[in-house]
Protein backbone atom coordinates (compact mmCIF):
# COMPACT_ATOMS: atom_id res chain seq x y z
CA UNK A 1 -36.90 -77.90 -90.32
CA UNK A 2 -35.62 -76.17 -93.49
CA UNK A 3 -37.29 -79.15 -95.65
CA UNK A 4 -40.06 -78.94 -93.47
CA UNK A 5 -40.87 -75.06 -93.77
CA UNK A 6 -40.47 -75.37 -97.77
CA UNK A 7 -42.67 -78.23 -97.34
CA UNK A 8 -45.02 -76.79 -96.31
CA UNK A 9 -45.24 -73.66 -98.25
CA UNK A 10 -45.60 -75.68 -101.31
CA UNK A 11 -48.44 -77.55 -99.47
CA UNK A 12 -49.72 -74.12 -98.53
CA UNK A 13 -49.94 -72.77 -102.35
CA UNK A 14 -50.98 -76.47 -103.77
CA UNK A 15 -53.93 -76.33 -101.44
CA UNK A 16 -54.96 -72.61 -102.27
CA UNK A 17 -55.09 -73.54 -105.84
CA UNK A 18 -56.95 -76.40 -105.27
CA UNK A 19 -59.34 -74.66 -103.12
CA UNK A 20 -62.91 -73.29 -104.53
CA UNK A 21 -64.08 -69.87 -103.16
CA UNK A 22 -67.18 -71.22 -101.41
CA UNK A 23 -70.42 -69.44 -100.47
CA UNK A 24 -72.55 -69.76 -97.28
CA UNK A 25 -76.72 -69.60 -98.15
CA UNK A 26 -79.22 -67.80 -95.49
CA UNK A 27 -82.85 -69.05 -95.76
CA UNK A 28 -85.83 -67.31 -93.91
CA UNK A 29 -87.96 -69.94 -91.99
CA UNK A 30 -91.70 -68.06 -92.35
CA UNK A 31 -93.41 -70.86 -90.03
CA UNK A 32 -90.25 -71.16 -87.53
CA UNK A 33 -89.79 -67.79 -87.14
CA UNK A 34 -85.82 -68.48 -87.56
CA UNK A 35 -82.94 -67.56 -90.23
CA UNK A 36 -80.62 -70.51 -91.16
CA UNK A 37 -77.19 -71.03 -92.37
CA UNK A 38 -76.27 -73.48 -94.77
CA UNK A 39 -72.48 -74.22 -95.91
CA UNK A 40 -71.54 -75.45 -98.89
CA UNK A 41 -71.61 -79.01 -97.89
CA UNK A 42 -75.05 -78.77 -97.36
CA UNK A 43 -75.25 -79.35 -93.45
CA UNK A 44 -78.00 -76.50 -91.68
CA UNK A 45 -77.39 -74.72 -88.93
CA UNK A 46 -79.57 -71.69 -87.21
CA UNK A 47 -78.47 -68.28 -87.87
CA UNK A 48 -80.60 -66.46 -85.58
CA UNK A 49 -83.82 -67.50 -83.73
CA UNK A 50 -84.44 -63.70 -82.79
CA UNK A 51 -87.62 -62.60 -80.77
CA UNK A 52 -87.97 -59.78 -83.44
CA UNK A 53 -88.44 -62.34 -86.61
CA UNK A 54 -92.01 -62.96 -86.92
CA UNK A 55 -92.84 -64.53 -90.81
CA UNK A 56 -89.83 -63.63 -92.35
CA UNK A 57 -89.80 -64.33 -95.78
CA UNK A 58 -87.32 -61.98 -98.37
CA UNK A 59 -83.72 -61.38 -97.59
CA UNK A 60 -80.63 -59.40 -99.32
CA UNK A 61 -77.07 -58.13 -98.31
CA UNK A 62 -75.83 -55.08 -97.96
CA UNK A 63 -71.76 -53.99 -99.35
CA UNK A 64 -70.81 -54.38 -95.63
CA UNK A 65 -72.22 -57.89 -94.97
CA UNK A 66 -74.92 -56.95 -92.91
CA UNK A 67 -78.14 -59.39 -93.68
CA UNK A 68 -81.93 -57.76 -94.02
CA UNK A 69 -84.64 -59.02 -93.90
CA UNK A 70 -88.77 -58.02 -94.82
CA UNK A 71 -90.04 -59.36 -91.71
CA UNK A 72 -93.68 -59.50 -92.73
CA UNK A 73 -95.46 -60.82 -89.55
CA UNK A 74 -94.46 -57.67 -87.85
CA UNK A 75 -94.35 -55.44 -90.64
CA UNK A 76 -90.72 -54.10 -90.89
CA UNK A 77 -87.58 -54.65 -91.76
CA UNK A 78 -84.77 -56.37 -89.52
CA UNK A 79 -81.03 -55.74 -89.72
CA UNK A 80 -78.50 -58.35 -88.67
CA UNK A 81 -74.59 -58.24 -88.26
CA UNK A 82 -72.69 -60.98 -88.71
CA UNK A 83 -72.31 -62.25 -85.82
CA UNK A 84 -76.11 -62.55 -85.73
CA UNK A 85 -77.15 -59.28 -83.43
CA UNK A 86 -80.36 -58.31 -85.08
CA UNK A 87 -82.02 -54.90 -84.68
CA UNK A 88 -85.13 -52.76 -86.10
CA UNK A 89 -84.07 -50.80 -89.49
CA UNK A 90 -84.93 -47.27 -88.48
CA UNK A 91 -86.70 -45.44 -90.84
CA UNK A 92 -88.86 -42.49 -90.86
CA UNK A 93 -92.03 -43.63 -92.08
CA UNK A 94 -92.29 -47.20 -90.20
CA UNK A 95 -96.38 -46.93 -91.23
CA UNK A 96 -95.82 -47.31 -94.80
CA UNK A 97 -94.78 -50.89 -94.32
CA UNK A 98 -97.58 -53.67 -94.71
CA UNK A 99 -96.67 -57.15 -94.92
CA UNK A 100 -93.10 -56.88 -96.79
CA UNK A 101 -92.12 -59.81 -98.60
CA UNK A 102 -89.07 -58.70 -100.29
CA UNK A 103 -85.85 -56.59 -100.89
CA UNK A 104 -82.83 -55.44 -102.43
CA UNK A 105 -80.19 -53.00 -102.67
CA UNK A 106 -79.85 -51.26 -106.04
CA UNK A 107 -75.96 -50.02 -106.99
CA UNK A 108 -76.08 -46.56 -104.45
CA UNK A 109 -77.16 -48.44 -101.52
CA UNK A 110 -81.12 -47.87 -101.75
CA UNK A 111 -83.49 -50.43 -100.17
CA UNK A 112 -86.43 -51.45 -102.30
CA UNK A 113 -88.94 -53.20 -100.52
CA UNK A 114 -91.99 -55.12 -102.36
CA UNK A 115 -94.88 -54.09 -99.88
CA UNK A 116 -97.41 -57.10 -100.20
CA UNK A 117 -100.20 -55.98 -97.74
CA UNK A 118 -100.30 -52.39 -99.79
CA UNK A 119 -99.42 -53.38 -103.36
CA UNK A 120 -96.56 -50.73 -103.55
CA UNK A 121 -92.85 -50.69 -103.67
CA UNK A 122 -90.95 -48.74 -101.21
CA UNK A 123 -87.17 -46.69 -101.12
CA UNK A 124 -85.35 -46.78 -98.40
CA UNK A 125 -82.76 -44.35 -98.67
CA UNK A 126 -79.22 -45.16 -96.83
CA UNK A 127 -80.32 -42.72 -94.33
CA UNK A 128 -83.54 -43.92 -93.93
CA UNK A 129 -85.87 -41.84 -95.67
CA UNK A 130 -88.95 -44.31 -97.29
CA UNK A 131 -90.85 -43.31 -99.75
CA UNK A 132 -93.77 -45.41 -102.17
CA UNK A 133 -91.67 -46.07 -105.48
CA UNK A 134 -94.00 -47.46 -107.38
CA UNK A 135 -97.50 -48.36 -107.23
CA UNK A 136 -101.00 -49.11 -109.59
CA UNK A 137 -101.43 -51.67 -112.55
CA UNK A 138 -99.27 -54.41 -112.55
CA UNK A 139 -98.30 -54.46 -108.64
CA UNK A 140 -100.97 -56.64 -106.71
CA UNK A 141 -100.25 -58.11 -103.52
CA UNK A 142 -96.58 -58.38 -104.82
CA UNK A 143 -94.36 -60.88 -103.77
CA UNK A 144 -90.25 -60.79 -104.45
CA UNK A 145 -88.62 -58.40 -105.69
CA UNK A 146 -85.21 -58.63 -108.38
CA UNK A 147 -82.92 -56.09 -109.58
CA UNK A 148 -80.71 -56.08 -112.90
CA UNK A 149 -77.21 -54.16 -113.10
CA UNK A 150 -78.95 -51.58 -114.99
CA UNK A 151 -81.18 -50.85 -111.94
CA UNK A 152 -84.32 -51.91 -113.35
CA UNK A 153 -86.78 -53.59 -110.39
CA UNK A 154 -88.73 -56.85 -111.31
CA UNK A 155 -91.53 -57.42 -109.17
CA UNK A 156 -93.34 -60.96 -108.44
CA UNK A 157 -97.49 -60.40 -108.54
CA UNK A 158 -98.92 -63.53 -107.59
CA UNK A 159 -102.08 -62.28 -107.44
CA UNK A 160 -102.88 -60.26 -110.23
CA UNK A 161 -104.94 -61.83 -112.92
CA UNK A 162 -103.47 -62.76 -114.67
CA UNK A 163 -100.69 -63.27 -112.77
CA UNK A 164 -97.84 -60.77 -113.52
CA UNK A 165 -93.92 -59.86 -113.64
CA UNK A 166 -94.28 -56.17 -113.04
CA UNK A 167 -90.87 -53.86 -114.88
CA UNK A 168 -90.02 -50.40 -113.11
CA UNK A 169 -87.60 -48.73 -114.52
CA UNK A 170 -84.92 -46.41 -112.48
CA UNK A 171 -87.14 -43.46 -112.68
CA UNK A 172 -90.24 -45.57 -111.61
CA UNK A 173 -92.09 -46.29 -114.54
CA UNK A 174 -94.16 -49.25 -114.37
CA UNK A 175 -95.24 -52.06 -116.90
CA UNK A 176 -95.59 -55.76 -117.57
CA UNK A 177 -92.97 -57.54 -118.24
CA UNK A 178 -94.63 -60.98 -118.48
CA UNK A 179 -98.25 -62.03 -117.46
CA UNK A 180 -99.55 -65.56 -117.82
CA UNK A 181 -98.38 -68.44 -120.24
CA UNK A 182 -96.48 -70.24 -117.10
CA UNK A 183 -97.09 -68.55 -114.84
CA UNK A 184 -99.40 -69.63 -111.51
CA UNK A 185 -98.51 -68.04 -108.54
CA UNK A 186 -95.16 -66.33 -109.35
CA UNK A 187 -92.96 -65.82 -105.96
CA UNK A 188 -88.76 -65.90 -106.20
CA UNK A 189 -86.89 -64.18 -108.61
CA UNK A 190 -83.39 -64.48 -109.76
CA UNK A 191 -81.56 -62.87 -112.83
CA UNK A 192 -78.88 -65.69 -113.80
CA UNK A 193 -75.25 -64.22 -115.73
CA UNK A 194 -77.15 -64.01 -119.10
CA UNK A 195 -79.77 -61.72 -117.88
CA UNK A 196 -82.52 -63.94 -117.88
CA UNK A 197 -85.44 -63.94 -115.63
CA UNK A 198 -86.04 -67.17 -113.55
CA UNK A 199 -89.19 -67.17 -111.63
CA UNK A 200 -90.57 -69.81 -108.82
CA UNK A 201 -94.42 -70.83 -109.67
CA UNK A 202 -95.63 -71.82 -105.72
CA UNK A 203 -98.62 -73.66 -107.24
CA UNK A 204 -97.19 -75.73 -109.83
CA UNK A 205 -93.83 -76.27 -108.35
CA UNK A 206 -92.37 -75.02 -111.23
CA UNK A 207 -89.06 -72.90 -112.52
CA UNK A 208 -89.86 -70.98 -115.54
CA UNK A 209 -87.54 -69.42 -117.32
CA UNK A 210 -87.92 -66.23 -119.23
CA UNK A 211 -86.01 -64.35 -121.79
CA UNK A 212 -85.14 -60.97 -122.08
CA UNK A 213 -87.51 -60.50 -124.69
CA UNK A 214 -90.30 -62.07 -122.31
CA UNK A 215 -90.45 -65.29 -124.19
CA UNK A 216 -91.46 -67.75 -121.19
CA UNK A 217 -90.02 -72.07 -121.22
CA UNK A 218 -90.42 -73.92 -117.99
CA UNK A 219 -86.95 -74.74 -117.36
CA UNK A 220 -87.59 -77.30 -114.36
CA UNK A 221 -90.47 -78.81 -112.53
CA UNK A 222 -91.52 -81.78 -110.41
CA UNK A 223 -90.18 -83.54 -107.55
CA UNK A 224 -88.09 -82.62 -105.18
CA UNK A 225 -89.26 -79.11 -105.83
CA UNK A 226 -92.13 -78.46 -103.37
CA UNK A 227 -94.33 -74.87 -102.99
CA UNK A 228 -90.67 -72.85 -104.51
CA UNK A 229 -90.02 -69.53 -102.84
CA UNK A 230 -87.55 -67.37 -103.65
CA UNK A 231 -84.62 -68.13 -105.69
CA UNK A 232 -81.14 -67.19 -105.54
CA UNK A 233 -77.93 -68.16 -108.00
CA UNK A 234 -74.22 -69.33 -106.98
CA UNK A 235 -71.26 -68.27 -108.62
CA UNK A 236 -71.24 -71.46 -110.98
CA UNK A 237 -74.81 -71.12 -112.30
CA UNK A 238 -76.41 -73.20 -109.81
CA UNK A 239 -79.85 -72.56 -109.11
CA UNK A 240 -81.16 -72.65 -105.20
CA UNK A 241 -84.57 -72.83 -104.50
CA UNK A 242 -86.59 -72.79 -101.14
CA UNK A 243 -89.21 -75.10 -100.93
CA UNK A 244 -91.38 -73.39 -98.90
CA UNK A 245 -93.82 -76.54 -98.46
CA UNK A 246 -91.62 -79.02 -97.12
CA UNK A 247 -87.83 -78.59 -95.27
CA UNK A 248 -85.44 -79.43 -98.38
CA UNK A 249 -83.51 -76.84 -100.50
CA UNK A 250 -83.55 -77.81 -103.79
CA UNK A 251 -80.48 -77.02 -106.13
CA UNK A 252 -80.81 -77.12 -110.10
CA UNK A 253 -77.59 -77.51 -112.33
CA UNK A 254 -77.68 -74.75 -115.27
CA UNK A 255 -78.80 -77.76 -117.41
CA UNK A 256 -81.99 -78.49 -115.29
CA UNK A 257 -81.16 -81.73 -113.07
CA UNK A 258 -83.04 -81.25 -109.70
CA UNK A 259 -81.21 -82.51 -106.72
CA UNK A 260 -81.69 -82.07 -102.83
CA UNK A 261 -79.23 -79.82 -101.82
CA UNK A 262 -79.94 -79.66 -97.65
CA UNK A 263 -83.08 -81.47 -95.73
CA UNK A 264 -83.14 -80.52 -91.98
CA UNK A 265 -86.20 -80.02 -89.55
CA UNK A 266 -84.53 -76.66 -89.34
CA UNK A 267 -86.05 -75.56 -92.32
CA UNK A 268 -89.35 -74.86 -91.03
CA UNK A 269 -91.05 -73.02 -94.22
CA UNK A 270 -88.14 -72.41 -95.91
CA UNK A 271 -89.43 -69.05 -97.71
CA UNK A 272 -86.75 -66.58 -98.39
CA UNK A 273 -83.32 -67.23 -99.39
CA UNK A 274 -79.81 -65.38 -100.20
CA UNK A 275 -76.43 -66.61 -100.77
CA UNK A 276 -73.46 -64.60 -99.53
CA UNK A 277 -69.79 -65.17 -101.27
CA UNK A 278 -67.45 -66.12 -98.59
CA UNK A 279 -63.87 -63.97 -99.95
CA UNK A 280 -60.47 -65.46 -100.30
CA UNK A 281 -57.11 -63.98 -100.98
CA UNK A 282 -56.21 -63.57 -105.25
CA UNK A 283 -53.90 -67.08 -105.96
CA UNK A 284 -51.52 -64.81 -107.52
CA UNK A 285 -50.74 -63.31 -104.15
CA UNK A 286 -50.54 -66.29 -101.71
CA UNK A 287 -48.50 -67.99 -104.39
CA UNK A 288 -46.05 -65.81 -104.75
CA UNK A 289 -45.76 -65.06 -101.30
CA UNK A 290 -45.19 -69.33 -101.02
CA UNK A 291 -42.72 -69.06 -103.98
CA UNK A 292 -40.49 -66.21 -102.00
CA UNK A 293 -40.54 -68.04 -98.76
CA UNK A 294 -38.81 -70.59 -101.74
CA UNK A 295 -36.05 -68.54 -102.74
CA UNK A 296 -35.31 -67.16 -98.98
CA UNK A 297 -34.78 -70.23 -97.78
CA UNK A 298 -38.02 -71.28 -96.19
CA UNK A 299 -37.76 -69.35 -92.99
CA UNK A 300 -39.90 -66.56 -94.19
CA UNK A 301 -43.24 -66.51 -92.85
CA UNK A 302 -46.69 -66.36 -95.78
CA UNK A 303 -49.05 -63.51 -94.66
CA UNK A 304 -52.35 -62.74 -96.50
CA UNK A 305 -52.13 -59.41 -98.34
CA UNK A 306 -54.84 -57.45 -96.45
CA UNK A 307 -57.82 -56.14 -98.48
CA UNK A 308 -58.22 -52.49 -99.39
CA UNK A 309 -61.45 -50.94 -97.31
């Protein structure tokens, strides 16, 4: 019995060290009016088919793990708990929403919404107060929105002439960050760990990379990209792309190699995409518990340390 428990403790410790942190990908299906969940092995399942969903697009998680969805067809924002329970986000001025297409949170918990139909960006405070944060030049029928760590917002204006990526400072100052060039119906936006902005071009099936100084280059293009929409990076630096005109999610390596990560009939007009990291215990904590078990004769039970709230 003693040898068996010791072996189990060692195996548990070694298994932990060999298992990397995993993440779940959530995809909004604009045509199918559902939210799909994709496991790390590419398996697709339905997270929600709530009747509240209508032409869902951009999504974002808050710090407590709730999923928020820009519900463009019903001109509102939906909130999903971790078990899939849906509700309409209660705000003080719901009439301001007109085809919301993208959303993002800042470090203070404020939500910023790219409001396609009104060509503006809304700000929603944690207590539900809604206001127009930015509007004017460089924002025209805007779609996705992204945020830098310093709080600058970037908005894709697919119908601006020329097509433009707008930049909005935390104070609300609006300017053009990039326009023309390789941009053609820019849709999804995502920053890599180095601060480079990646943009999906819906019309040309290209992913454009924009350096912090505004220099553009084509990062990836061609099949299997097909009407690329929202983008998201995982912890390994791989870029995931929702292919709006197919039933697939593409994965692009840091070197630009494109593969199909997931394919399923459940992906019906995949447009929005967000990645939620799955937390795991600290390696040192778990390993030390296993070693302590051995030192005590192998009979102690291993327990994961509770995370601080």
